[in-house]
Amino acid sequence: MIQRTIHQTITRYLFQGKVIVLYGARRTGKTTLSKAIMEKHGDAARYINCEIQQYRTALQTTNTAMLNDFLGNYKLIVLDEAQSIPDVGLTLKVLTDTRPDLQIIATGSSSFDMAQTVSEPLTGRSRTFTLYPFSLAEISQQTHPVEWGARLDNILRFGMYPEVYGRSDEMAYEELRDIATNYLYKDVLQYNQIKRSDLLFNLLQALALQVGNEVSYGELARLLGENHHTVRSYIDLLEKSFVIIRLGSFSRNLRKEISKSFKVYFLDNGIRNSLINNFNPPSQRDDVGALWENFCVTERIKLLHNNRLFPNSYFWRTYDRKEIDYIEEEGGRLHATEFKWNVTAKVKRPKEFLQTYPNSDFNVVTRENYPAFLLNPKWPHTD
């Protein structure tokens, strides 16, 4: 079993008077991780699948006597897919206030849905974590660096969902199709009362074809024949449901810096490829640059978040088409990075950016040096 980075972090937060809220898309391994955390506690721990009607009904109350009667004298309770419980935040608040000895881990597939009912009642009473598909840092614990290189093509094609990683091409394709069908569409539509499945699918395809390119809500609205506000709400939903992430444009000093566009990346390359139905190897694709950029950006964000680091992340571009793929802002410094699949490609240093922002540095990430960028959260940025 591949050890998840946040396992030990969550363990350190147990029994500190906080509910552990574990978000993440379906099939990223939330149940497996929760049960692994439970193992240390043996018979003092209990797992409850909240999608089962009888459990959901029993937990749909704020009556402390009824809750305690149902939960018993366990010390650790896992409420899996807790978003299935109506007003789950109130239930968790009551348990936290009346059972300080009880540690609860509540998992949820949809951040959008759980955040609506959890965040306000649990203000000051919770610690939130997100479980992503496998990260390069996680698989590196059990894989020799030579093997990463051998598997890089497959990672770019099929991504790193736990049930996809390491499978044959045929099995990886089948698993991805199942994940896309049963999560990207059904869950998002069900939990968020979105009625336009056709619009959702068309938007996902449009975003998949725009990976690495700057987009705007107005541009997408015109492309899809929809209004600006609808497109924006659907993109918000997709981000809160762990399908995509957005990078805003960095703009501070130069009048010619673009400030309203954004970039979209898919949290898993395999999901992105399934949307455009293209699993060809990198050597046979004309979008390999986009695949590489998507991989580098999302892996970097997974690495940082898994290590509880949350710097500001941006891209940069000017109206005269000078650009930088990725910028991290932390500790008063700007760390600018360009991603190149072709290791022989010439990259010009962004002189205007470096002169405008003297507290910045610049690096290029290629197939030859990417492990340093994606395995070290404190990656040594140098001029």
Protein backbone atom coordinates (compact mmCIF):
# COMPACT_ATOMS: atom_id res chain seq x y z
CA MET A 1 0.00 0.00 0.00
CA ILE A 2 1.30 3.46 -0.89
CA GLN A 3 1.53 5.61 2.23
CA ARG A 4 -0.47 8.82 1.93
CA THR A 5 1.41 11.95 2.97
CA ILE A 6 -1.43 13.35 5.06
CA HIS A 7 -1.81 10.12 7.08
CA GLN A 8 0.76 11.10 9.70
CA THR A 9 -0.37 14.72 9.70
CA ILE A 10 -3.96 13.74 10.48
CA THR A 11 -2.72 11.35 13.18
CA ARG A 12 -0.95 14.25 14.92
CA TYR A 13 -4.23 16.20 15.03
CA LEU A 14 -6.29 13.42 16.58
CA PHE A 15 -7.81 13.91 20.05
CA GLN A 16 -7.12 17.64 20.08
CA GLY A 17 -10.79 18.60 20.41
CA LYS A 18 -11.27 19.07 16.64
CA VAL A 19 -13.36 17.25 14.07
CA ILE A 20 -11.14 16.06 11.21
CA VAL A 21 -12.89 16.89 7.91
CA LEU A 22 -11.40 14.96 5.00
CA TYR A 23 -12.47 16.19 1.57
CA GLY A 24 -11.66 14.65 -1.78
CA ALA A 25 -13.12 13.27 -4.97
CA ARG A 26 -14.52 9.77 -4.98
CA ARG A 27 -11.99 7.02 -5.60
CA THR A 28 -9.04 9.01 -4.25
CA GLY A 29 -8.80 6.67 -1.26
CA LYS A 30 -10.61 8.48 1.59
CA THR A 31 -12.16 5.28 2.92
CA THR A 32 -8.86 3.39 2.71
CA LEU A 33 -7.03 6.20 4.50
CA SER A 34 -9.68 6.50 7.21
CA LYS A 35 -9.59 2.77 7.90
CA ALA A 36 -5.78 2.84 8.01
CA ILE A 37 -5.96 5.56 10.68
CA MET A 38 -8.51 3.49 12.59
CA GLU A 39 -6.28 0.39 12.72
CA LYS A 40 -4.10 1.77 15.51
CA HIS A 41 -7.18 2.17 17.72
CA GLY A 42 -8.54 -1.35 17.30
CA ASP A 43 -11.90 -2.01 18.93
CA ALA A 44 -12.12 1.59 20.16
CA ALA A 45 -12.78 2.76 16.58
CA ARG A 46 -15.93 2.45 14.48
CA TYR A 47 -16.53 3.00 10.77
CA ILE A 48 -19.95 4.24 9.57
CA ASN A 49 -20.92 4.53 5.91
CA CYS A 50 -23.33 7.46 5.89
CA GLU A 51 -24.70 6.56 2.47
CA ILE A 52 -26.54 3.63 4.11
CA GLN A 53 -30.06 4.82 4.87
CA GLN A 54 -30.35 3.45 8.41
CA TYR A 55 -27.13 5.15 9.50
CA ARG A 56 -28.03 8.39 7.77
CA THR A 57 -31.38 8.44 9.57
CA ALA A 58 -29.83 7.70 12.96
CA LEU A 59 -27.38 10.57 12.59
CA GLN A 60 -29.93 13.09 11.35
CA THR A 61 -30.60 14.52 14.80
CA THR A 62 -29.17 16.89 17.38
CA ASN A 63 -30.61 14.88 20.28
CA THR A 64 -27.53 14.02 22.32
CA ALA A 65 -29.12 11.00 24.00
CA MET A 66 -30.07 9.46 20.67
CA LEU A 67 -26.66 10.18 19.16
CA ASN A 68 -24.77 8.72 22.10
CA ASP A 69 -27.01 5.67 22.12
CA PHE A 70 -26.28 5.06 18.44
CA LEU A 71 -22.55 5.78 18.56
CA GLY A 72 -21.81 3.95 21.81
CA ASN A 73 -18.59 4.32 23.79
CA TYR A 74 -16.15 4.32 20.89
CA LYS A 75 -13.25 6.76 21.07
CA LEU A 76 -12.86 7.29 17.32
CA ILE A 77 -15.70 7.40 14.79
CA VAL A 78 -15.31 7.65 11.00
CA LEU A 79 -18.35 9.11 9.25
CA ASP A 80 -17.66 8.24 5.62
CA GLU A 81 -19.43 10.34 2.94
CA ALA A 82 -20.83 12.51 5.71
CA GLN A 83 -22.37 14.94 3.23
CA SER A 84 -25.17 12.39 2.90
CA ILE A 85 -26.44 13.45 6.36
CA PRO A 86 -28.73 16.52 6.16
CA ASP A 87 -27.36 19.38 8.30
CA VAL A 88 -24.37 17.26 9.21
CA GLY A 89 -22.56 20.30 10.62
CA LEU A 90 -25.10 20.67 13.43
CA THR A 91 -24.77 16.99 14.29
CA LEU A 92 -21.00 17.28 14.43
CA LYS A 93 -21.20 20.46 16.54
CA VAL A 94 -23.40 18.74 19.12
CA LEU A 95 -21.06 15.76 19.32
CA THR A 96 -17.98 17.97 19.62
CA ASP A 97 -19.54 20.03 22.41
CA THR A 98 -20.98 17.11 24.38
CA ARG A 99 -18.41 14.38 23.74
CA PRO A 100 -14.94 15.99 24.06
CA ASP A 101 -13.48 12.48 24.45
CA LEU A 102 -14.76 11.42 21.02
CA GLN A 103 -12.64 11.93 17.89
CA ILE A 104 -14.65 12.20 14.68
CA ILE A 105 -13.27 11.92 11.16
CA ALA A 106 -15.87 13.07 8.62
CA THR A 107 -15.15 12.45 4.94
CA GLY A 108 -16.92 14.03 2.00
CA SER A 109 -16.80 13.74 -1.77
CA SER A 110 -18.10 17.21 -2.44
CA SER A 111 -16.46 20.20 -0.81
CA PHE A 112 -19.21 22.41 -2.20
CA ASP A 113 -21.95 20.46 -0.45
CA MET A 114 -20.18 19.77 2.84
CA ALA A 115 -18.79 23.28 3.18
CA GLN A 116 -22.32 24.67 3.05
CA THR A 117 -23.39 22.62 6.07
CA VAL A 118 -20.13 22.11 7.96
CA SER A 119 -18.04 25.27 7.97
CA GLU A 120 -20.35 27.59 9.93
CA PRO A 121 -21.49 25.18 12.69
CA LEU A 122 -17.92 23.92 13.15
CA THR A 123 -16.18 27.29 13.23
CA GLY A 124 -13.14 26.77 15.44
CA ARG A 125 -14.00 23.11 15.95
CA SER A 126 -12.46 21.44 12.88
CA ARG A 127 -9.30 20.81 10.89
CA THR A 128 -9.74 20.37 7.14
CA PHE A 129 -7.66 18.19 4.81
CA THR A 130 -7.97 17.28 1.14
CA LEU A 131 -7.01 13.88 -0.27
CA TYR A 132 -5.93 14.04 -3.90
CA PRO A 133 -5.05 11.21 -6.29
CA PHE A 134 -1.58 9.79 -5.66
CA SER A 135 1.22 12.33 -5.85
CA LEU A 136 4.67 11.77 -7.26
CA ALA A 137 6.04 12.28 -3.75
CA GLU A 138 3.86 9.44 -2.46
CA ILE A 139 4.70 6.92 -5.16
CA SER A 140 8.38 7.84 -4.89
CA GLN A 141 8.49 6.20 -1.46
CA GLN A 142 8.14 2.77 -3.03
CA THR A 143 9.53 3.38 -6.51
CA HIS A 144 13.12 3.76 -7.69
CA PRO A 145 13.79 7.04 -9.56
CA VAL A 146 14.62 5.07 -12.72
CA GLU A 147 11.14 3.60 -12.61
CA TRP A 148 9.50 7.04 -12.38
CA GLY A 149 11.01 7.94 -15.71
CA ALA A 150 9.78 4.70 -17.23
CA ARG A 151 6.29 5.38 -15.89
CA LEU A 152 6.16 9.09 -16.71
CA ASP A 153 4.53 8.55 -20.09
CA ASN A 154 1.78 6.46 -18.49
CA ILE A 155 1.27 9.02 -15.72
CA LEU A 156 0.80 11.75 -18.32
CA ARG A 157 -1.70 9.55 -20.16
CA PHE A 158 -3.68 7.93 -17.35
CA GLY A 159 -2.99 10.04 -14.26
CA MET A 160 -2.65 8.74 -10.71
CA TYR A 161 -5.99 7.78 -9.27
CA PRO A 162 -5.24 4.88 -6.86
CA GLU A 163 -7.28 2.39 -8.89
CA VAL A 164 -5.67 3.53 -12.14
CA TYR A 165 -1.99 3.92 -11.30
CA GLY A 166 0.12 0.93 -12.32
CA ARG A 167 -2.68 -0.79 -14.24
CA SER A 168 -2.46 -2.01 -17.82
CA ASP A 169 -3.56 0.44 -20.50
CA GLU A 170 -6.84 -1.40 -20.96
CA MET A 171 -7.66 -1.51 -17.25
CA ALA A 172 -6.60 2.11 -16.73
CA TYR A 173 -8.92 3.20 -19.51
CA GLU A 174 -11.86 1.25 -18.02
CA GLU A 175 -11.28 2.65 -14.52
CA LEU A 176 -11.04 6.22 -15.78
CA ARG A 177 -14.23 5.88 -17.77
CA ASP A 178 -15.97 4.58 -14.64
CA ILE A 179 -14.62 7.39 -12.47
CA ALA A 180 -15.65 10.04 -14.99
CA THR A 181 -19.12 8.58 -15.42
CA ASN A 182 -19.85 8.00 -11.74
CA TYR A 183 -18.24 11.08 -10.24
CA LEU A 184 -17.74 13.92 -12.67
CA TYR A 185 -21.30 13.79 -13.90
CA LYS A 186 -23.57 11.90 -11.53
CA ASP A 187 -22.24 13.19 -8.20
CA VAL A 188 -21.81 16.76 -9.32
CA LEU A 189 -25.31 16.81 -10.77
CA GLN A 190 -26.88 15.05 -7.79
CA TYR A 191 -25.32 16.94 -4.92
CA ASN A 192 -25.58 20.39 -6.42
CA GLN A 193 -28.94 20.26 -8.20
CA ILE A 194 -27.34 21.12 -11.53
CA LYS A 195 -29.84 20.30 -14.25
CA ARG A 196 -27.80 21.08 -17.37
CA SER A 197 -25.74 17.92 -17.80
CA ASP A 198 -25.16 18.85 -21.44
CA LEU A 199 -23.70 22.23 -20.47
CA LEU A 200 -21.52 20.64 -17.78
CA PHE A 201 -20.09 18.13 -20.26
CA ASN A 202 -19.51 20.73 -22.96
CA LEU A 203 -17.81 23.04 -20.47
CA LEU A 204 -15.52 20.24 -19.26
CA GLN A 205 -14.53 19.41 -22.83
CA ALA A 206 -13.87 23.07 -23.58
CA LEU A 207 -11.70 23.41 -20.47
CA ALA A 208 -9.85 20.17 -21.30
CA LEU A 209 -8.92 21.62 -24.68
CA GLN A 210 -7.77 24.88 -23.08
CA VAL A 211 -5.33 23.44 -20.51
CA GLY A 212 -2.33 25.73 -20.22
CA ASN A 213 -4.05 28.57 -22.06
CA GLU A 214 -5.58 31.62 -20.44
CA VAL A 215 -9.36 31.80 -20.64
CA SER A 216 -12.10 34.14 -19.48
CA TYR A 217 -15.69 33.61 -18.44
CA GLY A 218 -16.89 35.78 -21.31
CA GLU A 219 -14.93 33.76 -23.86
CA LEU A 220 -16.29 30.46 -22.52
CA ALA A 221 -19.82 31.86 -22.36
CA ARG A 222 -19.66 32.87 -26.04
CA LEU A 223 -18.25 29.49 -27.00
CA LEU A 224 -21.00 27.60 -25.17
CA GLY A 225 -23.83 29.98 -25.98
CA GLU A 226 -24.51 30.62 -22.28
CA ASN A 227 -24.46 33.63 -20.01
CA HIS A 228 -21.37 34.68 -18.10
CA HIS A 229 -22.82 34.04 -14.61
CA THR A 230 -23.90 30.46 -15.40
CA VAL A 231 -20.47 29.56 -16.75
CA ARG A 232 -18.79 31.09 -13.73
CA SER A 233 -21.02 29.19 -11.28
CA TYR A 234 -20.35 25.89 -13.06
CA ILE A 235 -16.58 26.47 -12.96
CA ASP A 236 -16.81 27.33 -9.25
CA LEU A 237 -18.66 24.06 -8.74
CA LEU A 238 -16.09 22.01 -10.66
CA GLU A 239 -13.27 23.50 -8.62
CA LYS A 240 -15.03 22.90 -5.30
CA SER A 241 -15.72 19.34 -6.42
CA PHE A 242 -12.00 18.61 -6.97
CA VAL A 243 -12.19 18.28 -10.74
CA ILE A 244 -10.21 21.39 -11.70
CA ILE A 245 -8.09 24.13 -10.17
CA ARG A 246 -7.77 27.72 -11.34
CA LEU A 247 -4.72 29.95 -11.45
CA GLY A 248 -5.35 33.67 -11.55
CA SER A 249 -3.06 36.09 -13.35
CA PHE A 250 -0.41 37.93 -11.35
CA SER A 251 -0.66 41.68 -11.80
CA ARG A 252 0.80 44.33 -9.56
CA ASN A 253 3.04 46.92 -11.17
CA LEU A 254 2.97 46.94 -14.97
CA ARG A 255 0.05 48.60 -16.73
CA LYS A 256 0.31 46.06 -19.54
CA GLU A 257 -0.06 43.02 -17.28
CA ILE A 258 -3.18 40.96 -17.93
CA SER A 259 -5.29 40.86 -14.78
CA LYS A 260 -8.68 39.29 -15.52
CA SER A 261 -7.90 36.02 -17.28
CA PHE A 262 -7.23 32.71 -15.57
CA LYS A 263 -5.91 29.26 -16.39
CA VAL A 264 -7.62 25.95 -15.65
CA TYR A 265 -5.87 22.68 -14.86
CA PHE A 266 -7.34 19.26 -14.18
CA LEU A 267 -6.36 17.67 -10.89
CA ASP A 268 -5.69 14.45 -12.78
CA ASN A 269 -4.25 14.07 -16.27
CA GLY A 270 -6.20 10.88 -16.83
CA ILE A 271 -9.53 12.61 -16.26
CA ARG A 272 -8.52 15.38 -18.65
CA ASN A 273 -7.54 12.86 -21.33
CA SER A 274 -10.75 10.89 -20.86
CA LEU A 275 -12.78 14.04 -21.58
CA ILE A 276 -11.13 14.46 -24.98
CA ASN A 277 -10.86 10.68 -25.49
CA ASN A 278 -7.14 10.79 -26.22
CA PHE A 279 -4.82 8.39 -24.41
CA ASN A 280 -2.06 8.35 -27.00
CA PRO A 281 1.50 8.38 -25.65
CA PRO A 282 3.27 11.77 -25.49
CA SER A 283 5.38 11.00 -28.56
CA GLN A 284 2.20 10.82 -30.67
CA ARG A 285 0.48 13.97 -29.41
CA ASP A 286 0.45 17.60 -30.39
CA ASP A 287 -0.71 18.65 -26.90
CA VAL A 288 2.24 17.19 -24.98
CA GLY A 289 3.21 20.66 -23.78
CA ALA A 290 -0.22 21.09 -22.19
CA LEU A 291 -0.05 17.61 -20.66
CA TRP A 292 3.34 18.40 -19.16
CA GLU A 293 2.24 21.76 -17.77
CA ASN A 294 -0.93 20.26 -16.29
CA PHE A 295 1.12 17.52 -14.62
CA CYS A 296 3.73 19.89 -13.18
CA VAL A 297 1.27 22.47 -11.86
CA THR A 298 -1.12 20.01 -10.23
CA GLU A 299 1.66 17.85 -8.79
CA ARG A 300 3.28 20.92 -7.27
CA ILE A 301 -0.01 21.98 -5.68
CA LYS A 302 -0.62 18.45 -4.36
CA LEU A 303 2.87 18.39 -2.86
CA LEU A 304 2.39 21.75 -1.15
CA HIS A 305 -1.10 21.07 0.18
CA ASN A 306 -0.14 17.59 1.40
CA ASN A 307 2.57 19.29 3.45
CA ARG A 308 0.16 21.96 4.75
CA LEU A 309 1.76 24.72 2.70
CA PHE A 310 -0.55 27.16 0.92
CA PRO A 311 1.39 29.81 -1.02
CA ASN A 312 -0.37 32.03 -3.53
CA SER A 313 -0.11 30.60 -7.06
CA TYR A 314 -0.43 32.51 -10.32
CA PHE A 315 0.58 32.70 -13.96
CA TRP A 316 1.89 35.89 -15.58
CA ARG A 317 1.34 37.43 -18.98
CA THR A 318 1.48 40.84 -20.59
CA TYR A 319 -0.52 42.19 -23.50
CA ASP A 320 2.61 41.98 -25.67
CA ARG A 321 2.61 38.20 -25.00
CA LYS A 322 5.45 37.88 -22.53
CA GLU A 323 4.51 35.11 -20.14
CA ILE A 324 5.49 32.80 -17.29
CA ASP A 325 3.69 29.50 -16.70
CA TYR A 326 3.66 29.43 -12.90
CA ILE A 327 4.49 31.72 -9.97
CA GLU A 328 4.54 30.98 -6.26
CA GLU A 329 4.38 33.87 -3.82
CA GLU A 330 5.48 33.20 -0.27
CA GLY A 331 7.57 34.95 2.33
CA GLY A 332 7.75 38.14 0.30
CA ARG A 333 9.38 36.44 -2.70
CA LEU A 334 8.13 35.44 -6.14
CA HIS A 335 9.33 32.13 -7.56
CA ALA A 336 8.69 32.00 -11.32
CA THR A 337 8.78 28.72 -13.24
CA GLU A 338 8.52 27.74 -16.89
CA PHE A 339 7.65 24.17 -17.92
CA LYS A 340 9.25 22.63 -21.01
CA TRP A 341 8.71 19.06 -22.22
CA ASN A 342 11.47 19.47 -24.81
CA VAL A 343 14.69 19.51 -22.79
CA THR A 344 16.58 21.22 -25.63
CA ALA A 345 14.10 24.08 -26.00
CA LYS A 346 15.65 27.50 -25.47
CA VAL A 347 14.03 29.60 -22.78
CA LYS A 348 14.63 33.31 -22.45
CA ARG A 349 14.88 34.71 -18.96
CA PRO A 350 11.91 37.05 -18.32
CA LYS A 351 14.01 40.18 -17.89
CA GLU A 352 11.07 42.54 -17.63
CA PHE A 353 9.47 40.47 -14.87
CA LEU A 354 12.73 40.07 -12.93
CA GLN A 355 13.48 43.78 -13.21
CA THR A 356 9.97 44.79 -12.21
CA TYR A 357 9.96 42.38 -9.27
CA PRO A 358 13.50 42.29 -7.86
CA ASN A 359 12.44 39.93 -5.08
CA SER A 360 11.94 37.14 -7.62
CA ASP A 361 13.82 34.23 -9.20
CA PHE A 362 13.28 32.12 -12.30
CA ASN A 363 13.69 28.42 -13.10
CA VAL A 364 12.84 26.00 -15.89
CA VAL A 365 11.41 22.54 -15.15
CA THR A 366 12.00 19.80 -17.72
CA ARG A 367 11.88 16.01 -17.87
CA GLU A 368 15.46 16.02 -16.61
CA ASN A 369 15.02 18.01 -13.39
CA TYR A 370 11.32 17.73 -12.50
CA PRO A 371 11.80 15.47 -9.41
CA ALA A 372 13.45 18.32 -7.51
CA PHE A 373 10.44 20.56 -8.19
CA LEU A 374 7.81 17.93 -7.42
CA LEU A 375 9.38 16.15 -4.45
CA ASN A 376 10.73 19.03 -2.38
CA PRO A 377 8.11 21.46 -1.03
CA LYS A 378 10.92 23.84 -0.10
CA TRP A 379 12.42 23.58 -3.57
CA PRO A 380 15.58 25.72 -3.62
CA HIS A 381 14.76 28.55 -6.01
CA THR A 382 17.86 30.21 -7.39
CA ASP A 383 18.60 32.92 -9.91
